[in-house]
Amino acid sequence: MSSMKNKVFAVLAVALIFAAGYLVAAGMPMASRTTFAAPVLYSEDSITAIYDAASQAVVEIKVAQPGAGIYGRSLREGQGSGFLVDSEGHILTNNHVVDGATSVQVVFSNGKTVDAKVVGADTTDDLALISVDPATVTGVTPLQLSDSSAVKP
């Protein structure tokens, strides 16, 4: 009798496996699945809002630095970027952008180009502060610096 039970059990097992395979092949779910929405890691609206708020304070910096050319001493041109940190005309940039520059110019997002001067530099942290005439930054909202001790991952 146990031989008969084993045969019935084997037939039922094969039938269940066959039915499950048929349902999967037919695209029918075997069981309901609960799905969870993934957190949004990127939002185009957020990026656009940040750009709109910050872009006017970001500037292009053009510099001329003395260099050695094929035919003797010449001026090398370079460029970098920076951003306005206050309404007094102070712009933060990298030291390597302005290091050794004989002339510094700032190009604002509206295309206006003005002369600038290096106010100070920190070679260790590769930071430099340059300034332009405060009258040239009217209507531009400076970027706000934050307290880095309050930053959390």
Foldseek 3Di string as FASTA:
>chain_A
DVVVVVVVVVVVVVVVVVVVVVCVVVVHDPDDDDDDDDDDPDDPVVVVVVCVQFQQFKKKKKFWAWDADPVGIDIDIDIDMWGFADLQFKTKDFQVRCPRTPWMWIAGPVGDIFTKAWDDHDNVVRMTIIGTHSVVCPPRDTDYDDDVVPDDD
